[in-house]
N, C-alpha and C. Protein backbone atom coordinates (compact mmCIF):
# COMPACT_ATOMS: atom_id res chain seq x y z
N UNK A 1 19.15 -37.65 28.48
CA UNK A 1 18.72 -37.67 27.10
C UNK A 1 17.37 -36.98 26.93
N UNK A 2 16.52 -37.11 27.89
CA UNK A 2 15.20 -36.51 27.81
C UNK A 2 15.27 -34.99 27.84
N UNK A 3 16.24 -34.44 28.56
CA UNK A 3 16.41 -32.99 28.62
C UNK A 3 16.73 -32.43 27.24
N UNK A 4 17.56 -33.14 26.50
CA UNK A 4 17.92 -32.69 25.16
C UNK A 4 16.69 -32.68 24.26
N UNK A 5 15.85 -33.67 24.38
CA UNK A 5 14.64 -33.75 23.57
C UNK A 5 13.70 -32.60 23.91
N UNK A 6 13.53 -32.32 25.21
CA UNK A 6 12.68 -31.21 25.63
C UNK A 6 13.24 -29.89 25.13
N UNK A 7 14.55 -29.72 25.23
CA UNK A 7 15.19 -28.48 24.76
C UNK A 7 15.04 -28.33 23.25
N UNK A 8 15.18 -29.42 22.54
CA UNK A 8 15.05 -29.36 21.08
C UNK A 8 13.62 -29.02 20.68
N UNK A 9 12.65 -29.57 21.39
CA UNK A 9 11.25 -29.27 21.12
C UNK A 9 10.94 -27.82 21.43
N UNK A 10 11.47 -27.37 22.57
CA UNK A 10 11.25 -25.97 22.96
C UNK A 10 11.92 -25.02 21.98
N UNK A 11 13.12 -25.37 21.55
CA UNK A 11 13.83 -24.55 20.57
C UNK A 11 13.07 -24.50 19.24
N UNK A 12 12.53 -25.61 18.81
CA UNK A 12 11.75 -25.65 17.57
C UNK A 12 10.50 -24.79 17.70
N UNK A 13 9.88 -24.81 18.88
CA UNK A 13 8.70 -23.99 19.13
C UNK A 13 9.04 -22.50 19.04
N UNK A 14 10.14 -22.10 19.67
CA UNK A 14 10.58 -20.70 19.62
C UNK A 14 10.94 -20.28 18.20
N UNK A 15 11.58 -21.19 17.48
CA UNK A 15 11.96 -20.90 16.10
C UNK A 15 10.72 -20.70 15.23
N UNK A 16 9.70 -21.51 15.42
CA UNK A 16 8.45 -21.38 14.67
C UNK A 16 7.77 -20.06 14.99
N UNK A 17 7.73 -19.68 16.27
CA UNK A 17 7.13 -18.41 16.67
C UNK A 17 7.89 -17.23 16.08
N UNK A 18 9.22 -17.34 16.06
CA UNK A 18 10.03 -16.27 15.48
C UNK A 18 9.79 -16.14 13.98
N UNK A 19 9.66 -17.26 13.29
CA UNK A 19 9.38 -17.23 11.86
C UNK A 19 8.00 -16.61 11.59
N UNK A 20 7.01 -16.96 12.41
CA UNK A 20 5.67 -16.38 12.27
C UNK A 20 5.71 -14.87 12.50
N UNK A 21 6.47 -14.44 13.50
CA UNK A 21 6.60 -13.02 13.79
C UNK A 21 7.26 -12.28 12.64
N UNK A 22 8.30 -12.86 12.08
CA UNK A 22 8.99 -12.25 10.93
C UNK A 22 8.06 -12.13 9.72
N UNK A 23 7.27 -13.15 9.46
CA UNK A 23 6.35 -13.10 8.31
C UNK A 23 5.26 -12.05 8.55
N UNK A 24 4.79 -11.92 9.80
CA UNK A 24 3.79 -10.89 10.11
C UNK A 24 4.38 -9.49 9.95
N UNK A 25 5.61 -9.29 10.37
CA UNK A 25 6.27 -7.99 10.21
C UNK A 25 6.42 -7.65 8.73
N UNK A 26 6.82 -8.62 7.92
CA UNK A 26 6.96 -8.37 6.49
C UNK A 26 5.62 -8.02 5.85
N UNK A 27 4.56 -8.68 6.27
CA UNK A 27 3.22 -8.38 5.76
C UNK A 27 2.80 -6.96 6.13
N UNK A 28 3.06 -6.56 7.35
CA UNK A 28 2.73 -5.20 7.79
C UNK A 28 3.52 -4.18 7.00
N UNK A 29 4.81 -4.42 6.81
CA UNK A 29 5.64 -3.47 6.07
C UNK A 29 5.20 -3.32 4.62
N UNK A 30 4.70 -4.39 4.03
CA UNK A 30 4.25 -4.34 2.64
C UNK A 30 2.95 -3.58 2.50
N UNK A 31 2.05 -3.70 3.48
CA UNK A 31 0.71 -3.16 3.35
C UNK A 31 0.46 -1.89 4.15
N UNK A 32 1.35 -1.53 5.04
CA UNK A 32 1.13 -0.37 5.89
C UNK A 32 1.51 0.91 5.16
N UNK A 33 0.64 1.89 5.22
CA UNK A 33 0.88 3.21 4.64
C UNK A 33 0.89 4.22 5.77
N UNK A 34 2.00 4.89 5.99
CA UNK A 34 2.00 5.90 7.05
C UNK A 34 1.06 7.05 6.70
N UNK A 35 0.41 7.58 7.69
CA UNK A 35 -0.54 8.67 7.50
C UNK A 35 0.17 9.98 7.83
N UNK A 36 0.05 10.95 6.93
CA UNK A 36 0.63 12.28 7.16
C UNK A 36 -0.52 13.27 7.21
N UNK A 37 -0.69 13.89 8.37
CA UNK A 37 -1.76 14.88 8.55
C UNK A 37 -3.14 14.27 8.31
N UNK A 38 -3.30 13.02 8.63
CA UNK A 38 -4.58 12.36 8.44
C UNK A 38 -4.86 11.93 7.01
N UNK A 39 -3.91 12.11 6.12
CA UNK A 39 -4.08 11.75 4.70
C UNK A 39 -3.15 10.61 4.33
N UNK A 40 -3.61 9.77 3.44
CA UNK A 40 -2.78 8.71 2.89
C UNK A 40 -2.40 9.14 1.47
N UNK A 41 -1.12 9.06 1.16
CA UNK A 41 -0.63 9.47 -0.15
C UNK A 41 -0.19 8.25 -0.94
N UNK A 42 -0.48 8.28 -2.23
CA UNK A 42 -0.17 7.17 -3.12
C UNK A 42 0.84 7.61 -4.17
N UNK A 43 1.70 6.69 -4.56
CA UNK A 43 2.63 6.96 -5.65
C UNK A 43 1.90 6.80 -6.98
N UNK A 44 2.54 7.22 -8.05
CA UNK A 44 1.95 7.07 -9.37
C UNK A 44 1.69 5.61 -9.71
N UNK A 45 2.63 4.74 -9.35
CA UNK A 45 2.47 3.32 -9.63
C UNK A 45 1.26 2.76 -8.89
N UNK A 46 1.07 3.17 -7.65
CA UNK A 46 -0.07 2.68 -6.88
C UNK A 46 -1.38 3.17 -7.46
N UNK A 47 -1.42 4.41 -7.96
CA UNK A 47 -2.64 4.94 -8.58
C UNK A 47 -2.94 4.18 -9.87
N UNK A 48 -1.89 3.90 -10.64
CA UNK A 48 -2.08 3.13 -11.88
C UNK A 48 -2.67 1.76 -11.57
N UNK A 49 -2.17 1.10 -10.54
CA UNK A 49 -2.69 -0.22 -10.17
C UNK A 49 -4.12 -0.11 -9.64
N UNK A 50 -4.39 0.92 -8.87
CA UNK A 50 -5.72 1.12 -8.30
C UNK A 50 -6.77 1.36 -9.38
N UNK A 51 -6.42 2.18 -10.37
CA UNK A 51 -7.38 2.54 -11.43
C UNK A 51 -7.27 1.65 -12.67
N UNK A 52 -6.31 0.74 -12.68
CA UNK A 52 -6.07 -0.14 -13.83
C UNK A 52 -5.82 0.69 -15.09
N UNK A 53 -4.89 1.63 -14.98
CA UNK A 53 -4.50 2.47 -16.12
C UNK A 53 -2.99 2.42 -16.29
N UNK A 54 -2.53 2.89 -17.45
CA UNK A 54 -1.09 2.92 -17.71
C UNK A 54 -0.49 4.21 -17.15
N UNK A 55 0.83 4.24 -17.11
CA UNK A 55 1.52 5.46 -16.65
C UNK A 55 1.23 6.62 -17.59
N UNK A 56 1.13 6.34 -18.87
CA UNK A 56 0.86 7.39 -19.85
C UNK A 56 -0.55 7.97 -19.65
N UNK A 57 -1.51 7.12 -19.35
CA UNK A 57 -2.87 7.59 -19.09
C UNK A 57 -2.89 8.45 -17.83
N UNK A 58 -2.15 8.03 -16.81
CA UNK A 58 -2.06 8.83 -15.59
C UNK A 58 -1.46 10.20 -15.89
N UNK A 59 -0.45 10.23 -16.73
CA UNK A 59 0.16 11.50 -17.14
C UNK A 59 -0.87 12.38 -17.84
N UNK A 60 -1.68 11.78 -18.70
CA UNK A 60 -2.71 12.53 -19.41
C UNK A 60 -3.75 13.07 -18.44
N UNK A 61 -4.14 12.27 -17.46
CA UNK A 61 -5.10 12.73 -16.45
C UNK A 61 -4.53 13.90 -15.66
N UNK A 62 -3.24 13.88 -15.39
CA UNK A 62 -2.61 15.02 -14.71
C UNK A 62 -2.58 16.25 -15.61
N UNK A 63 -2.22 16.06 -16.87
CA UNK A 63 -2.15 17.18 -17.82
C UNK A 63 -3.52 17.81 -18.03
N UNK A 64 -4.56 16.99 -18.09
CA UNK A 64 -5.93 17.47 -18.31
C UNK A 64 -6.60 17.93 -17.02
N UNK A 65 -5.84 17.87 -15.91
CA UNK A 65 -6.34 18.28 -14.59
C UNK A 65 -7.55 17.46 -14.14
N UNK A 66 -7.57 16.19 -14.52
CA UNK A 66 -8.62 15.28 -14.07
C UNK A 66 -8.31 14.79 -12.66
N UNK A 67 -7.04 14.47 -12.43
CA UNK A 67 -6.60 14.01 -11.11
C UNK A 67 -5.69 15.05 -10.46
N UNK A 68 -6.04 15.52 -9.27
CA UNK A 68 -5.15 16.44 -8.57
C UNK A 68 -3.93 15.69 -8.02
N UNK A 69 -2.80 16.38 -7.97
CA UNK A 69 -1.57 15.75 -7.50
C UNK A 69 -0.72 16.77 -6.77
N UNK A 70 0.29 16.27 -6.09
CA UNK A 70 1.25 17.11 -5.38
C UNK A 70 2.62 16.75 -5.90
N UNK A 71 3.41 17.77 -6.21
CA UNK A 71 4.78 17.51 -6.66
C UNK A 71 5.74 18.08 -5.63
N UNK A 72 6.56 17.22 -5.10
CA UNK A 72 7.58 17.61 -4.13
C UNK A 72 8.92 17.25 -4.75
N UNK A 73 9.65 18.27 -5.16
CA UNK A 73 10.88 18.01 -5.90
C UNK A 73 10.51 17.33 -7.20
N UNK A 74 11.10 16.19 -7.47
CA UNK A 74 10.77 15.44 -8.68
C UNK A 74 9.75 14.35 -8.44
N UNK A 75 9.28 14.23 -7.21
CA UNK A 75 8.35 13.15 -6.86
C UNK A 75 6.92 13.64 -6.92
N UNK A 76 6.06 12.88 -7.58
CA UNK A 76 4.64 13.22 -7.68
C UNK A 76 3.85 12.20 -6.86
N UNK A 77 2.98 12.72 -5.98
CA UNK A 77 2.14 11.87 -5.16
C UNK A 77 0.69 12.33 -5.26
N UNK A 78 -0.20 11.44 -4.91
CA UNK A 78 -1.63 11.69 -5.01
C UNK A 78 -2.28 11.41 -3.67
N UNK A 79 -3.20 12.28 -3.24
CA UNK A 79 -3.96 12.02 -2.02
C UNK A 79 -5.00 10.95 -2.33
N UNK A 80 -5.09 9.97 -1.47
CA UNK A 80 -6.07 8.91 -1.67
C UNK A 80 -7.49 9.48 -1.64
N UNK A 81 -7.74 10.46 -0.77
CA UNK A 81 -9.07 11.06 -0.69
C UNK A 81 -9.44 11.80 -1.98
N UNK A 82 -8.45 12.43 -2.64
CA UNK A 82 -8.71 13.11 -3.92
C UNK A 82 -9.09 12.11 -5.00
N UNK A 83 -8.40 10.98 -5.04
CA UNK A 83 -8.70 9.94 -6.03
C UNK A 83 -10.11 9.42 -5.82
N UNK A 84 -10.46 9.14 -4.56
CA UNK A 84 -11.80 8.64 -4.25
C UNK A 84 -12.87 9.67 -4.58
N UNK A 85 -12.59 10.96 -4.34
CA UNK A 85 -13.55 12.02 -4.65
C UNK A 85 -13.80 12.10 -6.16
N UNK A 86 -12.75 12.01 -6.96
CA UNK A 86 -12.90 12.05 -8.42
C UNK A 86 -13.71 10.85 -8.89
N UNK A 87 -13.46 9.70 -8.31
CA UNK A 87 -14.22 8.50 -8.70
C UNK A 87 -15.70 8.67 -8.34
N UNK A 88 -15.99 9.22 -7.18
CA UNK A 88 -17.38 9.41 -6.77
C UNK A 88 -18.09 10.46 -7.63
N UNK A 89 -17.38 11.53 -8.00
CA UNK A 89 -17.98 12.58 -8.83
C UNK A 89 -18.32 12.07 -10.22
N UNK A 90 -17.54 11.14 -10.72
CA UNK A 90 -17.74 10.65 -12.08
C UNK A 90 -18.45 9.31 -12.14
N UNK A 91 -19.01 8.88 -11.02
CA UNK A 91 -19.71 7.60 -10.97
C UNK A 91 -21.03 7.71 -11.74
N UNK A 92 -21.26 6.78 -12.63
CA UNK A 92 -22.48 6.76 -13.43
C UNK A 92 -23.27 5.51 -13.07
N UNK A 93 -24.51 5.69 -12.65
CA UNK A 93 -25.36 4.56 -12.28
C UNK A 93 -25.89 3.95 -13.56
N UNK A 94 -25.71 2.67 -13.69
CA UNK A 94 -26.19 1.95 -14.86
C UNK A 94 -27.65 1.59 -14.64
N UNK A 95 -28.55 2.12 -15.48
CA UNK A 95 -29.99 1.90 -15.31
C UNK A 95 -30.50 0.77 -16.16
């Protein structure tokens, strides 16, 4: 009877570790951005969330050439470094 208890405890321990591993993998998949040529690229939705703007405002920024973008087929992406550069260029120090 004691062997069954030890096996059940060990099984519960392995199950807990497996669940922790699965949750860590899901967290990595949600937050990990693959790097292409040393650059991180953002989708339009991610830029909107980052800048707290609407999709229409993002479209206007593209039309007015405020934000540089790359269009591959029908997909539009933004370099994270370009977004940060535009933010730094337009930063106004409040005196």
